[in-house]
Amino acid sequence: GSLRLSCAASGGTFSRYALGWFRQAPGKEREFVAGMSKSGY
């Protein structure tokens, strides 16, 4: 199946952010999943 996660930002200038998604499974360390540059490119 599929899911879409959303992450809403406030209190800063969003267009200046590099962004990332991480995940942590039970008993494991948090790991990088996906990232996007500030430019979006």
PDB file of all heavy atoms in Angstrom:
ATOM      1  N   GLY A   1       0.810  -1.211   0.000  1.00  0.00           N
ATOM      2  CA  GLY A   1       0.000   0.000   0.000  1.00  0.00           C
ATOM      3  C   GLY A   1       0.842   1.259   0.000  1.00  0.00           C
ATOM      4  O   GLY A   1       2.078   1.216  -0.076  1.00  0.00           O
ATOM      5  N   SER A   2       0.153   2.402   0.089  1.00  0.00           N
ATOM      6  CA  SER A   2       0.812   3.698   0.029  1.00  0.00           C
ATOM      7  C   SER A   2       0.337   4.599   1.164  1.00  0.00           C
ATOM      8  O   SER A   2      -0.787   4.459   1.651  1.00  0.00           O
ATOM      9  CB  SER A   2       0.509   4.393  -1.302  1.00  0.00           C
ATOM     10  OG  SER A   2       1.007   3.660  -2.391  1.00  0.00           O
ATOM     11  N   LEU A   3       1.200   5.506   1.556  1.00  0.00           N
ATOM     12  CA  LEU A   3       0.877   6.563   2.507  1.00  0.00           C
ATOM     13  C   LEU A   3       1.623   7.812   2.077  1.00  0.00           C
ATOM     14  O   LEU A   3       2.699   7.721   1.464  1.00  0.00           O
ATOM     15  CB  LEU A   3       1.297   6.202   3.929  1.00  0.00           C
ATOM     16  CG  LEU A   3       0.442   5.248   4.748  1.00  0.00           C
ATOM     17  CD1 LEU A   3       1.135   4.938   6.072  1.00  0.00           C
ATOM     18  CD2 LEU A   3      -0.943   5.823   4.991  1.00  0.00           C
ATOM     19  N   ARG A   4       1.077   8.963   2.425  1.00  0.00           N
ATOM     20  CA  ARG A   4       1.794  10.212   2.208  1.00  0.00           C
ATOM     21  C   ARG A   4       1.908  10.951   3.528  1.00  0.00           C
ATOM     22  O   ARG A   4       0.890  11.283   4.148  1.00  0.00           O
ATOM     23  CB  ARG A   4       1.108  11.100   1.183  1.00  0.00           C
ATOM     24  CG  ARG A   4       1.973  12.312   0.815  1.00  0.00           C
ATOM     25  CD  ARG A   4       1.375  13.151  -0.283  1.00  0.00           C
ATOM     26  NE  ARG A   4       0.359  14.067   0.203  1.00  0.00           N
ATOM     27  CZ  ARG A   4       0.039  15.212  -0.399  1.00  0.00           C
ATOM     28  NH1 ARG A   4       0.669  15.568  -1.509  1.00  0.00           N
ATOM     29  NH2 ARG A   4      -0.916  15.974   0.085  1.00  0.00           N
ATOM     30  N   LEU A   5       3.126  11.176   3.944  1.00  0.00           N
ATOM     31  CA  LEU A   5       3.383  11.975   5.136  1.00  0.00           C
ATOM     32  C   LEU A   5       3.516  13.445   4.745  1.00  0.00           C
ATOM     33  O   LEU A   5       4.078  13.770   3.702  1.00  0.00           O
ATOM     34  CB  LEU A   5       4.670  11.527   5.819  1.00  0.00           C
ATOM     35  CG  LEU A   5       4.705  10.080   6.324  1.00  0.00           C
ATOM     36  CD1 LEU A   5       6.066   9.791   6.967  1.00  0.00           C
ATOM     37  CD2 LEU A   5       3.589   9.816   7.289  1.00  0.00           C
ATOM     38  N   SER A   6       2.995  14.300   5.605  1.00  0.00           N
ATOM     39  CA  SER A   6       3.142  15.738   5.439  1.00  0.00           C
ATOM     40  C   SER A   6       3.849  16.301   6.659  1.00  0.00           C
ATOM     41  O   SER A   6       3.721  15.763   7.767  1.00  0.00           O
ATOM     42  CB  SER A   6       1.777  16.403   5.295  1.00  0.00           C
ATOM     43  OG  SER A   6       1.083  15.918   4.174  1.00  0.00           O
ATOM     44  N   CYS A   7       4.557  17.383   6.451  1.00  0.00           N
ATOM     45  CA  CYS A   7       5.244  18.056   7.554  1.00  0.00           C
ATOM     46  C   CYS A   7       5.090  19.551   7.336  1.00  0.00           C
ATOM     47  O   CYS A   7       5.654  20.112   6.398  1.00  0.00           O
ATOM     48  CB  CYS A   7       6.705  17.654   7.596  1.00  0.00           C
ATOM     49  SG  CYS A   7       7.677  18.545   8.816  1.00  0.00           S
ATOM     50  N   ALA A   8       4.303  20.187   8.197  1.00  0.00           N
ATOM     51  CA  ALA A   8       4.037  21.612   8.090  1.00  0.00           C
ATOM     52  C   ALA A   8       5.002  22.396   8.969  1.00  0.00           C
ATOM     53  O   ALA A   8       5.197  22.055  10.152  1.00  0.00           O
ATOM     54  CB  ALA A   8       2.609  21.909   8.494  1.00  0.00           C
ATOM     55  N   ALA A   9       5.588  23.431   8.404  1.00  0.00           N
ATOM     56  CA  ALA A   9       6.571  24.244   9.123  1.00  0.00           C
ATOM     57  C   ALA A   9       5.983  25.600   9.489  1.00  0.00           C
ATOM     58  O   ALA A   9       5.161  26.154   8.753  1.00  0.00           O
ATOM     59  CB  ALA A   9       7.810  24.431   8.279  1.00  0.00           C
ATOM     60  N   SER A  10       6.429  26.125  10.604  1.00  0.00           N
ATOM     61  CA  SER A  10       6.041  27.464  11.020  1.00  0.00           C
ATOM     62  C   SER A  10       7.188  28.096  11.797  1.00  0.00           C
ATOM     63  O   SER A  10       8.097  27.407  12.255  1.00  0.00           O
ATOM     64  CB  SER A  10       4.784  27.425  11.901  1.00  0.00           C
ATOM     65  OG  SER A  10       5.029  26.693  13.083  1.00  0.00           O
ATOM     66  N   GLY A  11       7.144  29.403  11.914  1.00  0.00           N
ATOM     67  CA  GLY A  11       8.117  30.105  12.724  1.00  0.00           C
ATOM     68  C   GLY A  11       9.441  30.380  12.046  1.00  0.00           C
ATOM     69  O   GLY A  11      10.379  30.827  12.704  1.00  0.00           O
ATOM     70  N   GLY A  12       9.543  30.121  10.770  1.00  0.00           N
ATOM     71  CA  GLY A  12      10.791  30.382  10.061  1.00  0.00           C
ATOM     72  C   GLY A  12      10.525  30.647   8.600  1.00  0.00           C
ATOM     73  O   GLY A  12       9.372  30.738   8.179  1.00  0.00           O
ATOM     74  N   THR A  13      11.589  30.771   7.817  1.00  0.00           N
ATOM     75  CA  THR A  13      11.458  31.007   6.379  1.00  0.00           C
ATOM     76  C   THR A  13      11.638  29.680   5.666  1.00  0.00           C
ATOM     77  O   THR A  13      12.764  29.236   5.430  1.00  0.00           O
ATOM     78  CB  THR A  13      12.489  32.032   5.899  1.00  0.00           C
ATOM     79  OG1 THR A  13      12.369  33.230   6.685  1.00  0.00           O
ATOM     80  CG2 THR A  13      12.264  32.357   4.439  1.00  0.00           C
ATOM     81  N   PHE A  14      10.538  29.066   5.310  1.00  0.00           N
ATOM     82  CA  PHE A  14      10.558  27.692   4.797  1.00  0.00           C
ATOM     83  C   PHE A  14      11.406  27.575   3.533  1.00  0.00           C
ATOM     84  O   PHE A  14      12.092  26.579   3.338  1.00  0.00           O
ATOM     85  CB  PHE A  14       9.129  27.236   4.523  1.00  0.00           C
ATOM     86  CG  PHE A  14       9.017  25.806   4.107  1.00  0.00           C
ATOM     87  CD1 PHE A  14       9.081  24.786   5.053  1.00  0.00           C
ATOM     88  CD2 PHE A  14       8.850  25.462   2.777  1.00  0.00           C
ATOM     89  CE1 PHE A  14       8.971  23.454   4.677  1.00  0.00           C
ATOM     90  CE2 PHE A  14       8.736  24.138   2.393  1.00  0.00           C
ATOM     91  CZ  PHE A  14       8.802  23.129   3.344  1.00  0.00           C
ATOM     92  N   SER A  15      11.347  28.568   2.681  1.00  0.00           N
ATOM     93  CA  SER A  15      12.086  28.490   1.414  1.00  0.00           C
ATOM     94  C   SER A  15      13.592  28.441   1.624  1.00  0.00           C
ATOM     95  O   SER A  15      14.335  28.103   0.706  1.00  0.00           O
ATOM     96  CB  SER A  15      11.717  29.667   0.511  1.00  0.00           C
ATOM     97  OG  SER A  15      12.059  30.886   1.147  1.00  0.00           O
ATOM     98  N   ARG A  16      14.064  28.773   2.802  1.00  0.00           N
ATOM     99  CA  ARG A  16      15.493  28.718   3.107  1.00  0.00           C
ATOM    100  C   ARG A  16      15.924  27.365   3.684  1.00  0.00           C
ATOM    101  O   ARG A  16      17.097  27.173   3.980  1.00  0.00           O
ATOM    102  CB  ARG A  16      15.874  29.814   4.094  1.00  0.00           C
ATOM    103  CG  ARG A  16      15.753  31.216   3.529  1.00  0.00           C
ATOM    104  CD  ARG A  16      16.269  32.248   4.512  1.00  0.00           C
ATOM    105  NE  ARG A  16      16.207  33.600   3.966  1.00  0.00           N
ATOM    106  CZ  ARG A  16      16.581  34.682   4.632  1.00  0.00           C
ATOM    107  NH1 ARG A  16      17.059  34.566   5.868  1.00  0.00           N
ATOM    108  NH2 ARG A  16      16.490  35.868   4.080  1.00  0.00           N
ATOM    109  N   TYR A  17      14.987  26.458   3.845  1.00  0.00           N
ATOM    110  CA  TYR A  17      15.288  25.196   4.497  1.00  0.00           C
ATOM    111  C   TYR A  17      15.728  24.116   3.510  1.00  0.00           C
ATOM    112  O   TYR A  17      15.074  23.885   2.504  1.00  0.00           O
ATOM    113  CB  TYR A  17      14.069  24.646   5.225  1.00  0.00           C
ATOM    114  CG  TYR A  17      13.597  25.406   6.432  1.00  0.00           C
ATOM    115  CD1 TYR A  17      12.363  25.127   6.995  1.00  0.00           C
ATOM    116  CD2 TYR A  17      14.369  26.391   7.022  1.00  0.00           C
ATOM    117  CE1 TYR A  17      11.903  25.803   8.110  1.00  0.00           C
ATOM    118  CE2 TYR A  17      13.921  27.082   8.137  1.00  0.00           C
ATOM    119  CZ  TYR A  17      12.685  26.777   8.679  1.00  0.00           C
ATOM    120  OH  TYR A  17      12.242  27.458   9.782  1.00  0.00           O
ATOM    121  N   ALA A  18      16.828  23.421   3.858  1.00  0.00           N
ATOM    122  CA  ALA A  18      17.040  22.080   3.330  1.00  0.00           C
ATOM    123  C   ALA A  18      16.211  21.150   4.207  1.00  0.00           C
ATOM    124  O   ALA A  18      16.081  21.386   5.421  1.00  0.00           O
ATOM    125  CB  ALA A  18      18.507  21.710   3.383  1.00  0.00           C
ATOM    126  N   LEU A  19      15.667  20.104   3.602  1.00  0.00           N
ATOM    127  CA  LEU A  19      14.692  19.277   4.306  1.00  0.00           C
ATOM    128  C   LEU A  19      15.081  17.806   4.274  1.00  0.00           C
ATOM    129  O   LEU A  19      15.723  17.344   3.325  1.00  0.00           O
ATOM    130  CB  LEU A  19      13.317  19.459   3.655  1.00  0.00           C
ATOM    131  CG  LEU A  19      12.773  20.880   3.699  1.00  0.00           C
ATOM    132  CD1 LEU A  19      11.658  21.046   2.681  1.00  0.00           C
ATOM    133  CD2 LEU A  19      12.293  21.234   5.087  1.00  0.00           C
ATOM    134  N   GLY A  20      14.639  17.092   5.299  1.00  0.00           N
ATOM    135  CA  GLY A  20      14.926  15.667   5.332  1.00  0.00           C
ATOM    136  C   GLY A  20      13.861  14.888   6.064  1.00  0.00           C
ATOM    137  O   GLY A  20      13.091  15.447   6.857  1.00  0.00           O
ATOM    138  N   TRP A  21      13.805  13.601   5.757  1.00  0.00           N
ATOM    139  CA  TRP A  21      12.976  12.651   6.481  1.00  0.00           C
ATOM    140  C   TRP A  21      13.879  11.564   7.061  1.00  0.00           C
ATOM    141  O   TRP A  21      14.757  11.039   6.351  1.00  0.00           O
ATOM    142  CB  TRP A  21      11.937  12.012   5.572  1.00  0.00           C
ATOM    143  CG  TRP A  21      10.802  12.909   5.190  1.00  0.00           C
ATOM    144  CD1 TRP A  21      10.689  13.667   4.055  1.00  0.00           C
ATOM    145  CD2 TRP A  21       9.608  13.137   5.936  1.00  0.00           C
ATOM    146  NE1 TRP A  21       9.508  14.356   4.065  1.00  0.00           N
ATOM    147  CE2 TRP A  21       8.812  14.051   5.212  1.00  0.00           C
ATOM    148  CE3 TRP A  21       9.128  12.667   7.166  1.00  0.00           C
ATOM    149  CZ2 TRP A  21       7.572  14.501   5.656  1.00  0.00           C
ATOM    150  CZ3 TRP A  21       7.893  13.105   7.608  1.00  0.00           C
ATOM    151  CH2 TRP A  21       7.124  14.012   6.864  1.00  0.00           C
ATOM    152  N   PHE A  22      13.653  11.239   8.305  1.00  0.00           N
ATOM    153  CA  PHE A  22      14.368  10.172   8.996  1.00  0.00           C
ATOM    154  C   PHE A  22      13.332   9.211   9.575  1.00  0.00           C
ATOM    155  O   PHE A  22      12.148   9.543   9.678  1.00  0.00           O
ATOM    156  CB  PHE A  22      15.229  10.745  10.131  1.00  0.00           C
ATOM    157  CG  PHE A  22      16.411  11.545   9.666  1.00  0.00           C
ATOM    158  CD1 PHE A  22      16.246  12.820   9.136  1.00  0.00           C
ATOM    159  CD2 PHE A  22      17.695  11.034   9.753  1.00  0.00           C
ATOM    160  CE1 PHE A  22      17.342  13.570   8.703  1.00  0.00           C
ATOM    161  CE2 PHE A  22      18.796  11.764   9.332  1.00  0.00           C
ATOM    162  CZ  PHE A  22      18.617  13.035   8.806  1.00  0.00           C
ATOM    163  N   ARG A  23      13.795   8.024   9.971  1.00  0.00           N
ATOM    164  CA  ARG A  23      12.891   7.091  10.630  1.00  0.00           C
ATOM    165  C   ARG A  23      13.652   6.304  11.687  1.00  0.00           C
ATOM    166  O   ARG A  23      14.866   6.117  11.587  1.00  0.00           O
ATOM    167  CB  ARG A  23      12.237   6.146   9.628  1.00  0.00           C
ATOM    168  CG  ARG A  23      13.195   5.192   8.935  1.00  0.00           C
ATOM    169  CD  ARG A  23      12.469   4.393   7.867  1.00  0.00           C
ATOM    170  NE  ARG A  23      13.360   3.477   7.156  1.00  0.00           N
ATOM    171  CZ  ARG A  23      13.012   2.772   6.092  1.00  0.00           C
ATOM    172  NH1 ARG A  23      11.771   2.875   5.596  1.00  0.00           N
ATOM    173  NH2 ARG A  23      13.882   1.961   5.517  1.00  0.00           N
ATOM    174  N   GLN A  24      12.886   5.848  12.666  1.00  0.00           N
ATOM    175  CA  GLN A  24      13.471   5.032  13.724  1.00  0.00           C
ATOM    176  C   GLN A  24      12.535   3.878  14.021  1.00  0.00           C
ATOM    177  O   GLN A  24      11.395   4.084  14.458  1.00  0.00           O
ATOM    178  CB  GLN A  24      13.721   5.859  14.988  1.00  0.00           C
ATOM    179  CG  GLN A  24      14.460   5.087  16.057  1.00  0.00           C
ATOM    180  CD  GLN A  24      14.957   5.980  17.177  1.00  0.00           C
ATOM    181  OE1 GLN A  24      14.454   7.084  17.385  1.00  0.00           O
ATOM    182  NE2 GLN A  24      15.964   5.521  17.901  1.00  0.00           N
ATOM    183  N   ALA A  25      13.030   2.685  13.783  1.00  0.00           N
ATOM    184  CA  ALA A  25      12.279   1.470  14.085  1.00  0.00           C
ATOM    185  C   ALA A  25      12.600   1.032  15.510  1.00  0.00           C
ATOM    186  O   ALA A  25      13.663   1.382  16.044  1.00  0.00           O
ATOM    187  CB  ALA A  25      12.642   0.373  13.096  1.00  0.00           C
ATOM    188  N   PRO A  26      11.718   0.260  16.143  1.00  0.00           N
ATOM    189  CA  PRO A  26      11.976  -0.191  17.518  1.00  0.00           C
ATOM    190  C   PRO A  26      13.299  -0.926  17.628  1.00  0.00           C
ATOM    191  O   PRO A  26      13.600  -1.818  16.828  1.00  0.00           O
ATOM    192  CB  PRO A  26      10.799  -1.132  17.788  1.00  0.00           C
ATOM    193  CG  PRO A  26       9.722  -0.644  16.904  1.00  0.00           C
ATOM    194  CD  PRO A  26      10.411  -0.170  15.653  1.00  0.00           C
ATOM    195  N   GLY A  27      14.110  -0.525  18.592  1.00  0.00           N
ATOM    196  CA  GLY A  27      15.383  -1.181  18.828  1.00  0.00           C
ATOM    197  C   GLY A  27      16.487  -0.799  17.870  1.00  0.00           C
ATOM    198  O   GLY A  27      17.587  -1.365  17.930  1.00  0.00           O
ATOM    199  N   LYS A  28      16.214   0.157  16.990  1.00  0.00           N
ATOM    200  CA  LYS A  28      17.219   0.566  16.012  1.00  0.00           C
ATOM    201  C   LYS A  28      17.511   2.046  16.129  1.00  0.00           C
ATOM    202  O   LYS A  28      16.729   2.807  16.701  1.00  0.00           O
ATOM    203  CB  LYS A  28      16.747   0.232  14.595  1.00  0.00           C
ATOM    204  CG  LYS A  28      16.596  -1.254  14.326  1.00  0.00           C
ATOM    205  CD  LYS A  28      16.278  -1.515  12.867  1.00  0.00           C
ATOM    206  CE  LYS A  28      16.202  -2.999  12.572  1.00  0.00           C
ATOM    207  NZ  LYS A  28      15.922  -3.270  11.140  1.00  0.00           N
ATOM    208  N   GLU A  29      18.628   2.458  15.560  1.00  0.00           N
ATOM    209  CA  GLU A  29      18.975   3.867  15.545  1.00  0.00           C
ATOM    210  C   GLU A  29      18.172   4.593  14.462  1.00  0.00           C
ATOM    211  O   GLU A  29      17.716   4.003  13.493  1.00  0.00           O
ATOM    212  CB  GLU A  29      20.471   4.037  15.291  1.00  0.00           C
ATOM    213  CG  GLU A  29      21.347   3.496  16.409  1.00  0.00           C
ATOM    214  CD  GLU A  29      22.820   3.771  16.187  1.00  0.00           C
ATOM    215  OE1 GLU A  29      23.177   4.247  15.099  1.00  0.00           O
ATOM    216  OE2 GLU A  29      23.609   3.521  17.109  1.00  0.00           O
ATOM    217  N   ARG A  30      18.035   5.884  14.661  1.00  0.00           N
ATOM    218  CA  ARG A  30      17.352   6.685  13.656  1.00  0.00           C
ATOM    219  C   ARG A  30      18.211   6.741  12.397  1.00  0.00           C
ATOM    220  O   ARG A  30      19.433   6.902  12.486  1.00  0.00           O
ATOM    221  CB  ARG A  30      17.078   8.082  14.203  1.00  0.00           C
ATOM    222  CG  ARG A  30      16.206   8.940  13.319  1.00  0.00           C
ATOM    223  CD  ARG A  30      15.475  10.020  14.096  1.00  0.00           C
ATOM    224  NE  ARG A  30      16.345  10.907  14.830  1.00  0.00           N
ATOM    225  CZ  ARG A  30      15.899  11.911  15.583  1.00  0.00           C
ATOM    226  NH1 ARG A  30      14.589  12.126  15.697  1.00  0.00           N
ATOM    227  NH2 ARG A  30      16.754  12.680  16.219  1.00  0.00           N
ATOM    228  N   GLU A  31      17.573   6.615  11.229  1.00  0.00           N
ATOM    229  CA  GLU A  31      18.306   6.598   9.979  1.00  0.00           C
ATOM    230  C   GLU A  31      17.715   7.603   8.987  1.00  0.00           C
ATOM    231  O   GLU A  31      16.519   7.894   8.999  1.00  0.00           O
ATOM    232  CB  GLU A  31      18.289   5.201   9.337  1.00  0.00           C
ATOM    233  CG  GLU A  31      16.927   4.730   8.871  1.00  0.00           C
ATOM    234  CD  GLU A  31      16.986   3.480   7.996  1.00  0.00           C
ATOM    235  OE1 GLU A  31      18.086   3.092   7.540  1.00  0.00           O
ATOM    236  OE2 GLU A  31      15.898   2.906   7.745  1.00  0.00           O
ATOM    237  N   PHE A  32      18.582   8.090   8.127  1.00  0.00           N
ATOM    238  CA  PHE A  32      18.182   8.969   7.039  1.00  0.00           C
ATOM    239  C   PHE A  32      17.342   8.181   6.042  1.00  0.00           C
ATOM    240  O   PHE A  32      17.683   7.055   5.684  1.00  0.00           O
ATOM    241  CB  PHE A  32      19.420   9.545   6.371  1.00  0.00           C
ATOM    242  CG  PHE A  32      19.159  10.274   5.088  1.00  0.00           C
ATOM    243  CD1 PHE A  32      18.716  11.582   5.097  1.00  0.00           C
ATOM    244  CD2 PHE A  32      19.364   9.652   3.872  1.00  0.00           C
ATOM    245  CE1 PHE A  32      18.477  12.261   3.921  1.00  0.00           C
ATOM    246  CE2 PHE A  32      19.142  10.306   2.688  1.00  0.00           C
ATOM    247  CZ  PHE A  32      18.691  11.617   2.708  1.00  0.00           C
ATOM    248  N   VAL A  33      16.263   8.802   5.560  1.00  0.00           N
ATOM    249  CA  VAL A  33      15.411   8.175   4.562  1.00  0.00           C
ATOM    250  C   VAL A  33      15.453   8.947   3.241  1.00  0.00           C
ATOM    251  O   VAL A  33      15.679   8.368   2.186  1.00  0.00           O
ATOM    252  CB  VAL A  33      13.949   8.097   5.052  1.00  0.00           C
ATOM    253  CG1 VAL A  33      13.043   7.535   3.968  1.00  0.00           C
ATOM    254  CG2 VAL A  33      13.852   7.245   6.313  1.00  0.00           C
ATOM    255  N   ALA A  34      15.221  10.244   3.312  1.00  0.00           N
ATOM    256  CA  ALA A  34      15.174  11.058   2.096  1.00  0.00           C
ATOM    257  C   ALA A  34      15.513  12.494   2.436  1.00  0.00           C
ATOM    258  O   ALA A  34      15.240  12.954   3.550  1.00  0.00           O
ATOM    259  CB  ALA A  34      13.786  10.996   1.461  1.00  0.00           C
ATOM    260  N   GLY A  35      16.104  13.196   1.468  1.00  0.00           N
ATOM    261  CA  GLY A  35      16.442  14.587   1.690  1.00  0.00           C
ATOM    262  C   GLY A  35      16.275  15.405   0.427  1.00  0.00           C
ATOM    263  O   GLY A  35      16.327  14.872  -0.688  1.00  0.00           O
ATOM    264  N   MET A  36      16.035  16.690   0.617  1.00  0.00           N
ATOM    265  CA  MET A  36      15.888  17.604  -0.505  1.00  0.00           C
ATOM    266  C   MET A  36      16.663  18.875  -0.196  1.00  0.00           C
ATOM    267  O   MET A  36      16.613  19.379   0.921  1.00  0.00           O
ATOM    268  CB  MET A  36      14.413  17.913  -0.757  1.00  0.00           C
ATOM    269  CG  MET A  36      14.169  18.963  -1.830  1.00  0.00           C
ATOM    270  SD  MET A  36      12.430  19.129  -2.268  1.00  0.00           S
ATOM    271  CE  MET A  36      12.277  17.809  -3.472  1.00  0.00           C
ATOM    272  N   SER A  37      17.343  19.395  -1.196  1.00  0.00           N
ATOM    273  CA  SER A  37      18.115  20.617  -1.024  1.00  0.00           C
ATOM    274  C   SER A  37      17.198  21.825  -0.854  1.00  0.00           C
ATOM    275  O   SER A  37      15.997  21.764  -1.144  1.00  0.00           O
ATOM    276  CB  SER A  37      19.010  20.832  -2.240  1.00  0.00           C
ATOM    277  OG  SER A  37      18.212  20.989  -3.412  1.00  0.00           O
ATOM    278  N   LYS A  38      17.761  22.914  -0.406  1.00  0.00           N
ATOM    279  CA  LYS A  38      17.006  24.152  -0.260  1.00  0.00           C
ATOM    280  C   LYS A  38      16.404  24.579  -1.592  1.00  0.00           C
ATOM    281  O   LYS A  38      15.277  25.051  -1.658  1.00  0.00           O
ATOM    282  CB  LYS A  38      17.914  25.263   0.278  1.00  0.00           C
ATOM    283  CG  LYS A  38      17.190  26.580   0.541  1.00  0.00           C
ATOM    284  CD  LYS A  38      18.137  27.668   1.004  1.00  0.00           C
ATOM    285  CE  LYS A  38      18.850  28.322  -0.138  1.00  0.00           C
ATOM    286  NZ  LYS A  38      19.529  29.578   0.267  1.00  0.00           N
ATOM    287  N   SER A  39      17.152  24.397  -2.668  1.00  0.00           N
ATOM    288  CA  SER A  39      16.678  24.800  -3.992  1.00  0.00           C
ATOM    289  C   SER A  39      15.539  23.916  -4.486  1.00  0.00           C
ATOM    290  O   SER A  39      14.767  24.321  -5.348  1.00  0.00           O
ATOM    291  CB  SER A  39      17.826  24.735  -4.993  1.00  0.00           C
ATOM    292  OG  SER A  39      18.213  23.387  -5.200  1.00  0.00           O
ATOM    293  N   GLY A  40      15.463  22.701  -3.948  1.00  0.00           N
ATOM    294  CA  GLY A  40      14.469  21.748  -4.427  1.00  0.00           C
ATOM    295  C   GLY A  40      14.919  20.965  -5.637  1.00  0.00           C
ATOM    296  O   GLY A  40      14.242  20.045  -6.076  1.00  0.00           O
ATOM    297  N   TYR A  41      16.100  21.288  -6.165  1.00  0.00           N
ATOM    298  CA  TYR A  41      16.552  20.629  -7.385  1.00  0.00           C
ATOM    299  C   TYR A  41      17.264  19.302  -7.114  1.00  0.00           C
ATOM    300  O   TYR A  41      17.379  18.471  -8.017  1.00  0.00           O
ATOM    301  CB  TYR A  41      17.494  21.547  -8.160  1.00  0.00           C
ATOM    302  CG  TYR A  41      16.817  22.768  -8.728  1.00  0.00           C
ATOM    303  CD1 TYR A  41      17.390  24.028  -8.618  1.00  0.00           C
ATOM    304  CD2 TYR A  41      15.598  22.658  -9.380  1.00  0.00           C
ATOM    305  CE1 TYR A  41      16.770  25.151  -9.141  1.00  0.00           C
ATOM    306  CE2 TYR A  41      14.968  23.778  -9.912  1.00  0.00           C
ATOM    307  CZ  TYR A  41      15.558  25.020  -9.793  1.00  0.00           C
ATOM    308  OH  TYR A  41      14.944  26.128 -10.307  1.00  0.00           O
TER     309      TYR A  41
END
